[in-house]
């Protein structure tokens, strides 16, 4: 078997076995026509290089090898505060209904909101006409129990049986807020 050693590496034409039809030599060129190889550009390879000095692709100007992507360090990740964590990105799907409780100086407001669509599922407030005229005080512990019971009933009517409550920063679940949350739990709503 003999091959020519020119500036372009060519495939030996004198092969002992006959080639299949898809690998027959192309009459216009000196190389074989492979169906999947014909889409790649031919790379000129020099036969004058010795085996002791292999070509260094990082030194050549037309090299297509690039540096691999590396993971950012923790310091670099901390510099990008806009990136949300996995919990922040998936929490609205894992716990879609959020309870919002607000205490003003005169009233107690509570509502259940769907986090994905921001639609209000149910609302209970001591500022409503029926509660405003029937309750002796609109902000005491008895009013908190009434608001919690109403939220539980109205959310069950809307087929919501589990809600999530996220306390605000430096907010403790005690006092009037604790009473509202305990009343909602006692009336059959689960807290996820």
C-alpha atoms as a PDB file:
ATOM      1  CA  UNK A   1       0.000   0.000   0.000  1.00  0.00           C
ATOM      2  CA  UNK A   2       1.545   3.332  -0.981  1.00  0.00           C
ATOM      3  CA  UNK A   3       0.350   6.877  -0.263  1.00  0.00           C
ATOM      4  CA  UNK A   4       1.543  10.186  -1.620  1.00  0.00           C
ATOM      5  CA  UNK A   5       2.989  12.694   0.827  1.00  0.00           C
ATOM      6  CA  UNK A   6       2.126  16.161  -0.411  1.00  0.00           C
ATOM      7  CA  UNK A   7       1.055  19.350   1.354  1.00  0.00           C
ATOM      8  CA  UNK A   8      -2.515  18.111   1.592  1.00  0.00           C
ATOM      9  CA  UNK A   9      -3.076  14.715   3.140  1.00  0.00           C
ATOM     10  CA  UNK A  10      -4.832  12.556   0.597  1.00  0.00           C
ATOM     11  CA  UNK A  11      -6.575   9.257   1.029  1.00  0.00           C
ATOM     12  CA  UNK A  12      -4.789   6.297  -0.450  1.00  0.00           C
ATOM     13  CA  UNK A  13      -6.332   5.356  -3.740  1.00  0.00           C
ATOM     14  CA  UNK A  14      -4.998   1.860  -3.794  1.00  0.00           C
ATOM     15  CA  UNK A  15      -7.137   0.049  -1.243  1.00  0.00           C
ATOM     16  CA  UNK A  16      -7.290  -3.702  -1.258  1.00  0.00           C
ATOM     17  CA  UNK A  17     -11.070  -4.002  -0.830  1.00  0.00           C
ATOM     18  CA  UNK A  18     -13.585  -2.440  -3.238  1.00  0.00           C
ATOM     19  CA  UNK A  19     -15.496   0.563  -1.813  1.00  0.00           C
ATOM     20  CA  UNK A  20     -19.269   0.640  -1.360  1.00  0.00           C
ATOM     21  CA  UNK A  21     -21.199   2.954  -3.713  1.00  0.00           C
ATOM     22  CA  UNK A  22     -21.543   5.723  -1.107  1.00  0.00           C
ATOM     23  CA  UNK A  23     -17.749   5.800  -0.607  1.00  0.00           C
ATOM     24  CA  UNK A  24     -16.610   5.736  -4.214  1.00  0.00           C
ATOM     25  CA  UNK A  25     -13.947   8.236  -5.197  1.00  0.00           C
ATOM     26  CA  UNK A  26     -15.184  11.500  -6.616  1.00  0.00           C
ATOM     27  CA  UNK A  27     -13.747  11.996 -10.140  1.00  0.00           C
ATOM     28  CA  UNK A  28     -13.387  15.776  -9.671  1.00  0.00           C
ATOM     29  CA  UNK A  29     -11.312  15.610  -6.483  1.00  0.00           C
ATOM     30  CA  UNK A  30      -8.575  13.427  -5.104  1.00  0.00           C
ATOM     31  CA  UNK A  31     -10.441  12.563  -1.892  1.00  0.00           C
ATOM     32  CA  UNK A  32     -13.318  10.185  -1.190  1.00  0.00           C
ATOM     33  CA  UNK A  33     -16.851  11.529  -0.914  1.00  0.00           C
ATOM     34  CA  UNK A  34     -18.391  10.644   2.419  1.00  0.00           C
ATOM     35  CA  UNK A  35     -21.941  11.844   2.851  1.00  0.00           C
ATOM     36  CA  UNK A  36     -21.470  13.170   6.383  1.00  0.00           C
ATOM     37  CA  UNK A  37     -17.854  14.220   5.942  1.00  0.00           C
ATOM     38  CA  UNK A  38     -18.472  16.317   2.863  1.00  0.00           C
ATOM     39  CA  UNK A  39     -20.142  18.999   4.989  1.00  0.00           C
ATOM     40  CA  UNK A  40     -16.919  19.657   6.943  1.00  0.00           C
ATOM     41  CA  UNK A  41     -14.252  21.909   5.446  1.00  0.00           C
ATOM     42  CA  UNK A  42     -11.012  20.229   4.499  1.00  0.00           C
ATOM     43  CA  UNK A  43      -8.173  21.176   6.791  1.00  0.00           C
ATOM     44  CA  UNK A  44      -4.722  21.449   5.222  1.00  0.00           C
ATOM     45  CA  UNK A  45      -2.325  19.224   7.147  1.00  0.00           C
ATOM     46  CA  UNK A  46       1.359  19.452   6.575  1.00  0.00           C
ATOM     47  CA  UNK A  47       3.294  16.184   6.220  1.00  0.00           C
ATOM     48  CA  UNK A  48       6.607  17.905   6.955  1.00  0.00           C
ATOM     49  CA  UNK A  49       6.031  18.134  10.705  1.00  0.00           C
ATOM     50  CA  UNK A  50       7.770  15.509  12.708  1.00  0.00           C
ATOM     51  CA  UNK A  51       6.159  13.333  15.343  1.00  0.00           C
ATOM     52  CA  UNK A  52       8.312  14.969  18.004  1.00  0.00           C
ATOM     53  CA  UNK A  53       6.740  18.412  17.532  1.00  0.00           C
ATOM     54  CA  UNK A  54       2.952  18.060  17.369  1.00  0.00           C
ATOM     55  CA  UNK A  55       1.048  21.187  16.300  1.00  0.00           C
ATOM     56  CA  UNK A  56      -0.098  23.411  19.155  1.00  0.00           C
ATOM     57  CA  UNK A  57      -3.662  24.599  18.422  1.00  0.00           C
ATOM     58  CA  UNK A  58      -3.533  27.359  21.034  1.00  0.00           C
ATOM     59  CA  UNK A  59      -0.673  29.078  19.208  1.00  0.00           C
ATOM     60  CA  UNK A  60      -2.189  29.134  15.735  1.00  0.00           C
ATOM     61  CA  UNK A  61      -4.164  32.171  14.646  1.00  0.00           C
ATOM     62  CA  UNK A  62      -7.032  30.330  12.935  1.00  0.00           C
ATOM     63  CA  UNK A  63      -7.673  27.820  15.698  1.00  0.00           C
ATOM     64  CA  UNK A  64     -11.319  27.079  16.444  1.00  0.00           C
ATOM     65  CA  UNK A  65     -10.717  25.711  19.945  1.00  0.00           C
ATOM     66  CA  UNK A  66     -11.978  28.093  22.592  1.00  0.00           C
ATOM     67  CA  UNK A  67     -11.688  28.085  26.368  1.00  0.00           C
ATOM     68  CA  UNK A  68     -14.261  26.002  28.200  1.00  0.00           C
ATOM     69  CA  UNK A  69     -17.021  27.690  30.188  1.00  0.00           C
ATOM     70  CA  UNK A  70     -16.240  27.694  33.874  1.00  0.00           C
ATOM     71  CA  UNK A  71     -18.590  28.148  36.787  1.00  0.00           C
ATOM     72  CA  UNK A  72     -18.549  31.556  38.396  1.00  0.00           C
ATOM     73  CA  UNK A  73     -17.101  31.768  41.858  1.00  0.00           C
ATOM     74  CA  UNK A  74     -19.288  32.631  44.827  1.00  0.00           C
ATOM     75  CA  UNK A  75     -17.862  36.114  44.909  1.00  0.00           C
ATOM     76  CA  UNK A  76     -18.876  36.732  41.317  1.00  0.00           C
ATOM     77  CA  UNK A  77     -22.326  35.291  41.940  1.00  0.00           C
ATOM     78  CA  UNK A  78     -22.748  37.597  44.925  1.00  0.00           C
ATOM     79  CA  UNK A  79     -21.991  40.579  42.703  1.00  0.00           C
ATOM     80  CA  UNK A  80     -25.083  39.798  40.584  1.00  0.00           C
ATOM     81  CA  UNK A  81     -28.006  40.386  42.963  1.00  0.00           C
ATOM     82  CA  UNK A  82     -30.655  40.192  40.207  1.00  0.00           C
ATOM     83  CA  UNK A  83     -30.354  36.417  39.907  1.00  0.00           C
ATOM     84  CA  UNK A  84     -33.198  34.741  41.821  1.00  0.00           C
ATOM     85  CA  UNK A  85     -32.624  31.563  43.762  1.00  0.00           C
ATOM     86  CA  UNK A  86     -34.277  28.248  42.903  1.00  0.00           C
ATOM     87  CA  UNK A  87     -36.777  28.683  45.746  1.00  0.00           C
ATOM     88  CA  UNK A  88     -37.711  32.175  44.607  1.00  0.00           C
ATOM     89  CA  UNK A  89     -38.290  30.943  41.070  1.00  0.00           C
ATOM     90  CA  UNK A  90     -40.350  27.859  41.979  1.00  0.00           C
ATOM     91  CA  UNK A  91     -42.147  28.923  45.159  1.00  0.00           C
ATOM     92  CA  UNK A  92     -45.067  30.519  43.359  1.00  0.00           C
ATOM     93  CA  UNK A  93     -45.824  27.182  41.673  1.00  0.00           C
ATOM     94  CA  UNK A  94     -45.289  25.035  44.752  1.00  0.00           C
ATOM     95  CA  UNK A  95     -47.426  27.261  47.003  1.00  0.00           C
ATOM     96  CA  UNK A  96     -49.710  29.187  44.658  1.00  0.00           C
ATOM     97  CA  UNK A  97     -52.102  30.769  47.181  1.00  0.00           C
ATOM     98  CA  UNK A  98     -50.755  33.453  49.491  1.00  0.00           C
ATOM     99  CA  UNK A  99     -52.496  34.864  52.547  1.00  0.00           C
ATOM    100  CA  UNK A 100     -52.125  38.585  53.117  1.00  0.00           C
ATOM    101  CA  UNK A 101     -53.156  40.065  56.487  1.00  0.00           C
ATOM    102  CA  UNK A 102     -53.055  43.793  57.176  1.00  0.00           C
ATOM    103  CA  UNK A 103     -53.852  45.565  60.438  1.00  0.00           C
ATOM    104  CA  UNK A 104     -54.691  49.255  60.266  1.00  0.00           C
ATOM    105  CA  UNK A 105     -55.519  51.431  63.260  1.00  0.00           C
ATOM    106  CA  UNK A 106     -59.243  50.949  62.668  1.00  0.00           C
ATOM    107  CA  UNK A 107     -59.727  47.702  60.702  1.00  0.00           C
ATOM    108  CA  UNK A 108     -58.383  44.216  59.974  1.00  0.00           C
ATOM    109  CA  UNK A 109     -58.014  43.182  56.329  1.00  0.00           C
ATOM    110  CA  UNK A 110     -57.219  39.671  55.069  1.00  0.00           C
ATOM    111  CA  UNK A 111     -57.181  38.241  51.556  1.00  0.00           C
ATOM    112  CA  UNK A 112     -56.003  35.137  49.687  1.00  0.00           C
ATOM    113  CA  UNK A 113     -54.229  35.860  46.384  1.00  0.00           C
ATOM    114  CA  UNK A 114     -53.154  33.505  43.597  1.00  0.00           C
ATOM    115  CA  UNK A 115     -49.467  34.263  43.108  1.00  0.00           C
ATOM    116  CA  UNK A 116     -49.200  33.307  39.457  1.00  0.00           C
ATOM    117  CA  UNK A 117     -52.078  35.426  38.200  1.00  0.00           C
ATOM    118  CA  UNK A 118     -52.324  37.946  41.106  1.00  0.00           C
ATOM    119  CA  UNK A 119     -56.068  37.316  41.285  1.00  0.00           C
ATOM    120  CA  UNK A 120     -57.795  37.775  44.615  1.00  0.00           C
ATOM    121  CA  UNK A 121     -59.536  34.556  45.641  1.00  0.00           C
ATOM    122  CA  UNK A 122     -61.331  35.779  48.748  1.00  0.00           C
ATOM    123  CA  UNK A 123     -61.407  38.808  51.042  1.00  0.00           C
ATOM    124  CA  UNK A 124     -62.524  39.402  54.615  1.00  0.00           C
ATOM    125  CA  UNK A 125     -62.369  42.715  56.410  1.00  0.00           C
ATOM    126  CA  UNK A 126     -63.915  44.279  59.468  1.00  0.00           C
ATOM    127  CA  UNK A 127     -64.702  47.318  57.313  1.00  0.00           C
ATOM    128  CA  UNK A 128     -67.518  45.384  55.579  1.00  0.00           C
ATOM    129  CA  UNK A 129     -71.011  46.675  56.338  1.00  0.00           C
ATOM    130  CA  UNK A 130     -72.261  43.535  58.082  1.00  0.00           C
ATOM    131  CA  UNK A 131     -69.221  43.273  60.363  1.00  0.00           C
ATOM    132  CA  UNK A 132     -68.855  46.994  60.984  1.00  0.00           C
ATOM    133  CA  UNK A 133     -72.355  47.211  62.445  1.00  0.00           C
ATOM    134  CA  UNK A 134     -72.371  43.875  64.312  1.00  0.00           C
ATOM    135  CA  UNK A 135     -68.965  43.776  66.038  1.00  0.00           C
ATOM    136  CA  UNK A 136     -68.408  45.870  69.171  1.00  0.00           C
ATOM    137  CA  UNK A 137     -64.719  46.433  68.291  1.00  0.00           C
ATOM    138  CA  UNK A 138     -63.197  46.144  64.836  1.00  0.00           C
ATOM    139  CA  UNK A 139     -59.599  45.467  65.953  1.00  0.00           C
ATOM    140  CA  UNK A 140     -59.794  43.267  69.066  1.00  0.00           C
ATOM    141  CA  UNK A 141     -59.183  39.510  69.407  1.00  0.00           C
ATOM    142  CA  UNK A 142     -62.821  38.647  68.728  1.00  0.00           C
ATOM    143  CA  UNK A 143     -62.657  40.549  65.396  1.00  0.00           C
ATOM    144  CA  UNK A 144     -59.485  38.602  64.499  1.00  0.00           C
ATOM    145  CA  UNK A 145     -61.329  35.318  65.066  1.00  0.00           C
ATOM    146  CA  UNK A 146     -64.255  36.452  62.893  1.00  0.00           C
ATOM    147  CA  UNK A 147     -61.937  37.506  60.039  1.00  0.00           C
ATOM    148  CA  UNK A 148     -60.044  34.188  60.243  1.00  0.00           C
ATOM    149  CA  UNK A 149     -63.277  32.175  60.155  1.00  0.00           C
ATOM    150  CA  UNK A 150     -64.591  34.172  57.171  1.00  0.00           C
ATOM    151  CA  UNK A 151     -61.337  33.729  55.213  1.00  0.00           C
ATOM    152  CA  UNK A 152     -61.413  29.961  55.847  1.00  0.00           C
ATOM    153  CA  UNK A 153     -65.045  29.625  54.744  1.00  0.00           C
ATOM    154  CA  UNK A 154     -64.669  31.778  51.640  1.00  0.00           C
ATOM    155  CA  UNK A 155     -61.466  30.090  50.491  1.00  0.00           C
ATOM    156  CA  UNK A 156     -63.095  26.649  50.874  1.00  0.00           C
ATOM    157  CA  UNK A 157     -65.988  27.868  48.727  1.00  0.00           C
ATOM    158  CA  UNK A 158     -63.395  28.801  46.086  1.00  0.00           C
ATOM    159  CA  UNK A 159     -61.824  25.288  46.325  1.00  0.00           C
ATOM    160  CA  UNK A 160     -58.672  26.516  48.035  1.00  0.00           C
ATOM    161  CA  UNK A 161     -57.704  24.246  50.907  1.00  0.00           C
ATOM    162  CA  UNK A 162     -54.057  25.213  51.440  1.00  0.00           C
ATOM    163  CA  UNK A 163     -52.533  28.677  51.700  1.00  0.00           C
ATOM    164  CA  UNK A 164     -49.096  30.018  52.499  1.00  0.00           C
ATOM    165  CA  UNK A 165     -48.237  32.922  54.741  1.00  0.00           C
ATOM    166  CA  UNK A 166     -44.917  34.703  54.429  1.00  0.00           C
ATOM    167  CA  UNK A 167     -44.253  37.032  57.347  1.00  0.00           C
ATOM    168  CA  UNK A 168     -42.728  40.376  56.548  1.00  0.00           C
ATOM    169  CA  UNK A 169     -39.265  41.301  57.720  1.00  0.00           C
ATOM    170  CA  UNK A 170     -39.043  41.436  61.537  1.00  0.00           C
ATOM    171  CA  UNK A 171     -42.695  40.364  61.861  1.00  0.00           C
ATOM    172  CA  UNK A 172     -43.563  37.918  64.607  1.00  0.00           C
ATOM    173  CA  UNK A 173     -46.487  35.546  64.421  1.00  0.00           C
ATOM    174  CA  UNK A 174     -48.074  36.437  67.727  1.00  0.00           C
ATOM    175  CA  UNK A 175     -50.870  38.546  69.125  1.00  0.00           C
ATOM    176  CA  UNK A 176     -53.628  39.449  66.688  1.00  0.00           C
ATOM    177  CA  UNK A 177     -51.804  37.944  63.692  1.00  0.00           C
ATOM    178  CA  UNK A 178     -51.376  34.662  65.548  1.00  0.00           C
ATOM    179  CA  UNK A 179     -55.088  34.618  66.380  1.00  0.00           C
ATOM    180  CA  UNK A 180     -56.059  35.131  62.712  1.00  0.00           C
ATOM    181  CA  UNK A 181     -53.720  32.358  61.535  1.00  0.00           C
ATOM    182  CA  UNK A 182     -54.805  29.927  64.273  1.00  0.00           C
ATOM    183  CA  UNK A 183     -58.474  30.521  63.486  1.00  0.00           C
ATOM    184  CA  UNK A 184     -57.858  29.815  59.792  1.00  0.00           C
ATOM    185  CA  UNK A 185     -56.096  26.543  60.713  1.00  0.00           C
ATOM    186  CA  UNK A 186     -58.903  25.521  63.085  1.00  0.00           C
ATOM    187  CA  UNK A 187     -61.469  25.986  60.335  1.00  0.00           C
ATOM    188  CA  UNK A 188     -59.809  23.455  57.999  1.00  0.00           C
ATOM    189  CA  UNK A 189     -57.246  25.353  55.935  1.00  0.00           C
ATOM    190  CA  UNK A 190     -53.760  23.878  55.682  1.00  0.00           C
ATOM    191  CA  UNK A 191     -50.665  26.061  55.803  1.00  0.00           C
ATOM    192  CA  UNK A 192     -48.053  24.959  53.290  1.00  0.00           C
END
